[in-house]
């Protein structure tokens, strides 16, 4: 008899738990989204702000606040945000308290192309519009068309990734011969990189030349330094 009573209590407890879970789940679905919390992940410059994100949310979901949780389709909200040209990806989720959390990762520009309609090149090699909120401090690329971006991108990426180049190179330009020239931040000599090939070797040669001439205090004497020839740096003195 004791065992039967225990079984009945056990079954009753299970039924109660199932009922409470179902009740809580139903109540949670009917709960309204009371507020939106937007957070930008990683330390990035503000190419897009909270106001712009809020506008995107409104455009793509009519209104995300005071909407039943069962009505709000999070995947649709994320897709709407990801269409913005300043956003790399987004993550949207609901908290138990009814707060809509929006996590935004912006795209990262690594060069600015001086075209009729200027644009950035981002870290993936894709074009990115200029921002009304912030101007990125990145090398300026000139005399390069949109279709030539894949050609020059390996050089742009190398400048972004290499601390020495990132510190010293401020511009990239394609000359009439089809060779690329780099602008140096402090010195005014012309740095001819040549074709976008053998990048590692050319950068290594330039670093060695730079360190030697800095040590010899002769770098200021050069008006042209060419890296386009194999395994050597050719400098022209004033």
Protein backbone atom coordinates (compact mmCIF):
# COMPACT_ATOMS: atom_id res chain seq x y z
CA UNK A 1 0.00 0.00 0.00
CA UNK A 2 2.90 2.29 0.86
CA UNK A 3 4.45 1.72 -2.55
CA UNK A 4 1.16 2.54 -4.31
CA UNK A 5 0.88 5.82 -2.40
CA UNK A 6 4.47 6.68 -3.37
CA UNK A 7 3.78 5.91 -7.01
CA UNK A 8 0.66 8.10 -6.94
CA UNK A 9 2.67 10.96 -5.38
CA UNK A 10 5.41 10.47 -7.96
CA UNK A 11 2.94 10.52 -10.90
CA UNK A 12 1.17 13.53 -9.41
CA UNK A 13 4.48 15.39 -9.14
CA UNK A 14 5.30 14.66 -12.80
CA UNK A 15 1.85 15.84 -13.91
CA UNK A 16 2.27 19.04 -11.89
CA UNK A 17 5.72 19.72 -13.38
CA UNK A 18 4.43 19.15 -16.94
CA UNK A 19 1.50 21.47 -16.26
CA UNK A 20 3.74 24.22 -14.86
CA UNK A 21 6.18 23.98 -17.78
CA UNK A 22 3.33 24.13 -20.30
CA UNK A 23 1.72 27.04 -18.45
CA UNK A 24 4.99 28.96 -18.20
CA UNK A 25 5.80 28.29 -21.85
CA UNK A 26 2.37 29.49 -22.99
CA UNK A 27 2.60 32.57 -20.79
CA UNK A 28 6.12 33.30 -22.03
CA UNK A 29 4.96 33.12 -25.65
CA UNK A 30 2.21 35.63 -24.97
CA UNK A 31 4.56 38.00 -23.17
CA UNK A 32 5.22 41.22 -25.09
CA UNK A 33 8.66 42.39 -26.19
CA UNK A 34 9.04 45.37 -23.87
CA UNK A 35 12.38 46.81 -25.00
CA UNK A 36 15.25 46.44 -27.45
CA UNK A 37 18.90 46.30 -26.31
CA UNK A 38 21.49 46.83 -29.05
CA UNK A 39 25.12 45.89 -28.50
CA UNK A 40 28.07 46.23 -30.88
CA UNK A 41 30.49 43.35 -30.45
CA UNK A 42 34.26 43.86 -30.69
CA UNK A 43 35.97 47.25 -30.45
CA UNK A 44 35.13 48.94 -33.73
CA UNK A 45 34.66 52.49 -34.95
CA UNK A 46 30.98 53.53 -35.19
CA UNK A 47 30.24 53.10 -38.90
CA UNK A 48 26.60 52.47 -38.00
CA UNK A 49 24.84 53.67 -34.83
CA UNK A 50 21.96 52.47 -32.65
CA UNK A 51 19.51 54.83 -34.33
CA UNK A 52 20.19 53.25 -37.73
CA UNK A 53 19.81 49.74 -36.28
CA UNK A 54 16.50 50.71 -34.67
CA UNK A 55 15.25 52.06 -38.00
CA UNK A 56 16.18 48.76 -39.66
CA UNK A 57 14.29 46.83 -37.01
CA UNK A 58 11.18 48.96 -37.52
CA UNK A 59 11.37 48.70 -41.33
CA UNK A 60 11.70 44.92 -41.28
CA UNK A 61 9.30 44.06 -38.45
CA UNK A 62 6.83 46.99 -38.38
CA UNK A 63 7.62 47.31 -34.67
CA UNK A 64 9.58 44.89 -32.52
CA UNK A 65 8.32 46.24 -29.22
CA UNK A 66 4.87 45.38 -27.87
CA UNK A 67 4.76 42.39 -30.22
CA UNK A 68 3.95 38.91 -28.92
CA UNK A 69 6.99 36.66 -28.76
CA UNK A 70 5.28 34.02 -30.88
CA UNK A 71 4.77 36.61 -33.63
CA UNK A 72 8.38 37.83 -33.73
CA UNK A 73 10.42 35.65 -36.11
CA UNK A 74 14.01 36.11 -35.04
CA UNK A 75 15.53 34.65 -38.19
CA UNK A 76 13.63 37.18 -40.28
CA UNK A 77 14.81 40.02 -38.04
CA UNK A 78 18.45 38.89 -38.41
CA UNK A 79 18.16 38.63 -42.21
CA UNK A 80 16.73 42.14 -42.32
CA UNK A 81 19.67 43.52 -40.32
CA UNK A 82 22.24 41.61 -42.36
CA UNK A 83 21.07 43.35 -45.55
CA UNK A 84 22.61 46.60 -44.29
CA UNK A 85 25.91 47.28 -46.04
CA UNK A 86 27.67 48.28 -42.83
CA UNK A 87 26.76 45.07 -40.97
CA UNK A 88 28.80 41.87 -41.32
CA UNK A 89 26.41 39.78 -39.25
CA UNK A 90 23.87 40.01 -36.44
CA UNK A 91 22.57 37.80 -33.67
CA UNK A 92 19.07 38.38 -32.29
CA UNK A 93 17.49 36.61 -29.34
CA UNK A 94 14.82 37.10 -26.67
CA UNK A 95 15.42 37.06 -22.93
CA UNK A 96 13.00 35.60 -20.37
CA UNK A 97 12.16 39.14 -19.20
CA UNK A 98 10.90 40.10 -22.67
CA UNK A 99 13.97 42.02 -23.83
CA UNK A 100 15.03 41.73 -27.47
CA UNK A 101 18.84 41.53 -27.56
CA UNK A 102 20.47 42.58 -30.82
CA UNK A 103 24.20 41.84 -31.25
CA UNK A 104 25.83 43.64 -34.19
CA UNK A 105 29.22 43.01 -35.83
CA UNK A 106 30.17 45.74 -38.26
CA UNK A 107 32.18 45.27 -41.42
CA UNK A 108 35.84 46.35 -41.21
CA UNK A 109 37.19 48.69 -43.93
CA UNK A 110 40.92 48.40 -44.71
CA UNK A 111 41.24 50.80 -47.66
CA UNK A 112 39.36 53.69 -49.25
CA UNK A 113 39.09 53.82 -53.04
CA UNK A 114 39.13 57.28 -54.58
CA UNK A 115 36.58 56.77 -57.36
CA UNK A 116 33.73 58.87 -58.82
CA UNK A 117 31.63 57.26 -56.11
CA UNK A 118 34.21 56.61 -53.34
CA UNK A 119 33.94 53.39 -51.36
CA UNK A 120 35.80 51.25 -48.85
CA UNK A 121 37.26 47.80 -49.38
CA UNK A 122 36.54 45.63 -46.35
CA UNK A 123 38.64 42.90 -44.79
CA UNK A 124 37.01 40.24 -47.01
CA UNK A 125 37.81 42.11 -50.25
CA UNK A 126 34.26 43.32 -50.86
CA UNK A 127 33.15 46.87 -51.50
CA UNK A 128 31.63 48.82 -48.61
CA UNK A 129 29.96 52.27 -48.74
CA UNK A 130 31.37 55.25 -46.87
CA UNK A 131 29.80 55.98 -43.49
CA UNK A 132 28.01 59.17 -42.48
CA UNK A 133 29.10 58.58 -38.89
CA UNK A 134 32.82 57.93 -39.11
CA UNK A 135 35.72 58.21 -41.55
CA UNK A 136 38.15 55.29 -41.40
CA UNK A 137 41.89 56.01 -41.20
CA UNK A 138 42.97 53.60 -43.93
CA UNK A 139 45.23 53.82 -47.03
CA UNK A 140 43.80 55.72 -50.00
CA UNK A 141 43.70 53.75 -53.27
CA UNK A 142 43.78 55.76 -56.53
CA UNK A 143 43.56 55.06 -60.26
CA UNK A 144 41.97 51.67 -59.59
CA UNK A 145 38.56 50.64 -60.92
CA UNK A 146 36.04 48.38 -59.19
CA UNK A 147 36.97 45.43 -61.41
CA UNK A 148 40.65 45.84 -60.44
CA UNK A 149 39.97 45.47 -56.69
CA UNK A 150 40.59 41.67 -56.73
CA UNK A 151 43.98 42.36 -58.35
CA UNK A 152 45.18 44.87 -55.73
CA UNK A 153 43.41 43.33 -52.73
CA UNK A 154 46.30 40.98 -51.70
CA UNK A 155 48.52 44.08 -51.35
CA UNK A 156 45.83 45.98 -49.40
CA UNK A 157 45.40 43.01 -47.08
CA UNK A 158 49.15 42.68 -46.52
CA UNK A 159 49.37 46.35 -45.51
CA UNK A 160 46.51 45.81 -43.06
CA UNK A 161 48.09 42.72 -41.50
CA UNK A 162 51.71 43.92 -41.32
CA UNK A 163 52.34 46.39 -38.45
CA UNK A 164 55.35 47.96 -40.20
CA UNK A 165 53.45 48.60 -43.44
CA UNK A 166 50.32 49.70 -41.57
CA UNK A 167 52.37 52.33 -39.79
CA UNK A 168 54.21 53.66 -42.84
CA UNK A 169 52.04 53.19 -45.96
CA UNK A 170 49.28 55.76 -46.51
CA UNK A 171 48.34 55.29 -50.18
CA UNK A 172 48.34 52.94 -53.16
CA UNK A 173 48.20 54.18 -56.75
CA UNK A 174 48.37 52.48 -60.13
CA UNK A 175 50.58 54.30 -62.67
CA UNK A 176 50.34 54.46 -66.46
CA UNK A 177 52.60 51.41 -66.82
CA UNK A 178 50.25 49.31 -64.69
CA UNK A 179 52.63 49.21 -61.72
CA UNK A 180 51.58 50.03 -58.18
CA UNK A 181 53.23 52.83 -56.22
CA UNK A 182 52.98 53.24 -52.46
CA UNK A 183 52.92 56.52 -50.53
CA UNK A 184 55.07 56.64 -47.39
CA UNK A 185 53.84 58.53 -44.32
CA UNK A 186 56.99 60.44 -43.28
CA UNK A 187 59.31 60.44 -46.28
CA UNK A 188 58.42 61.80 -49.72
CA UNK A 189 60.25 59.31 -51.93
CA UNK A 190 58.25 57.34 -54.52
CA UNK A 191 58.01 53.67 -53.56
CA UNK A 192 57.40 51.55 -56.67
CA UNK A 193 55.99 48.16 -55.69
CA UNK A 194 55.42 46.96 -59.26
CA UNK A 195 52.95 44.18 -59.98
CA UNK A 196 51.05 42.57 -57.11
CA UNK A 197 53.24 39.49 -56.97
CA UNK A 198 56.04 38.14 -54.75
CA UNK A 199 54.56 40.30 -51.99
CA UNK A 200 56.36 38.68 -49.06
CA UNK A 201 59.73 38.90 -50.76
CA UNK A 202 59.25 42.55 -51.76
CA UNK A 203 58.11 43.55 -48.28
CA UNK A 204 61.06 41.75 -46.69
CA UNK A 205 63.48 43.55 -49.05
CA UNK A 206 61.90 46.92 -48.32
CA UNK A 207 62.12 46.42 -44.56
CA UNK A 208 65.81 45.52 -44.84
CA UNK A 209 66.48 48.57 -47.05
CA UNK A 210 64.52 50.83 -44.68
CA UNK A 211 66.37 49.66 -41.57
CA UNK A 212 69.78 49.99 -43.25
CA UNK A 213 69.18 53.49 -44.60
CA UNK A 214 67.69 54.66 -41.30
CA UNK A 215 70.79 53.40 -39.53
CA UNK A 216 73.06 55.06 -42.13
CA UNK A 217 70.91 58.22 -42.06
CA UNK A 218 70.69 58.15 -45.87
CA UNK A 219 66.95 57.48 -46.40
CA UNK A 220 66.14 61.17 -46.89
CA UNK A 221 68.49 61.30 -49.88
CA UNK A 222 66.32 58.97 -52.00
CA UNK A 223 63.55 60.26 -54.28
CA UNK A 224 62.61 56.84 -55.68
CA UNK A 225 62.83 53.30 -54.34
CA UNK A 226 61.82 50.39 -56.56
CA UNK A 227 60.89 46.90 -55.36
CA UNK A 228 59.80 45.59 -58.75
CA UNK A 229 63.04 43.80 -59.58
CA UNK A 230 63.65 40.31 -58.24
CA UNK A 231 65.59 40.03 -54.95
CA UNK A 232 66.85 43.59 -54.95
CA UNK A 233 65.91 47.14 -54.08
CA UNK A 234 66.89 49.86 -56.53
CA UNK A 235 67.10 53.35 -55.07
CA UNK A 236 67.53 56.65 -56.93
CA UNK A 237 69.25 59.47 -55.03
CA UNK A 238 68.48 63.16 -55.54
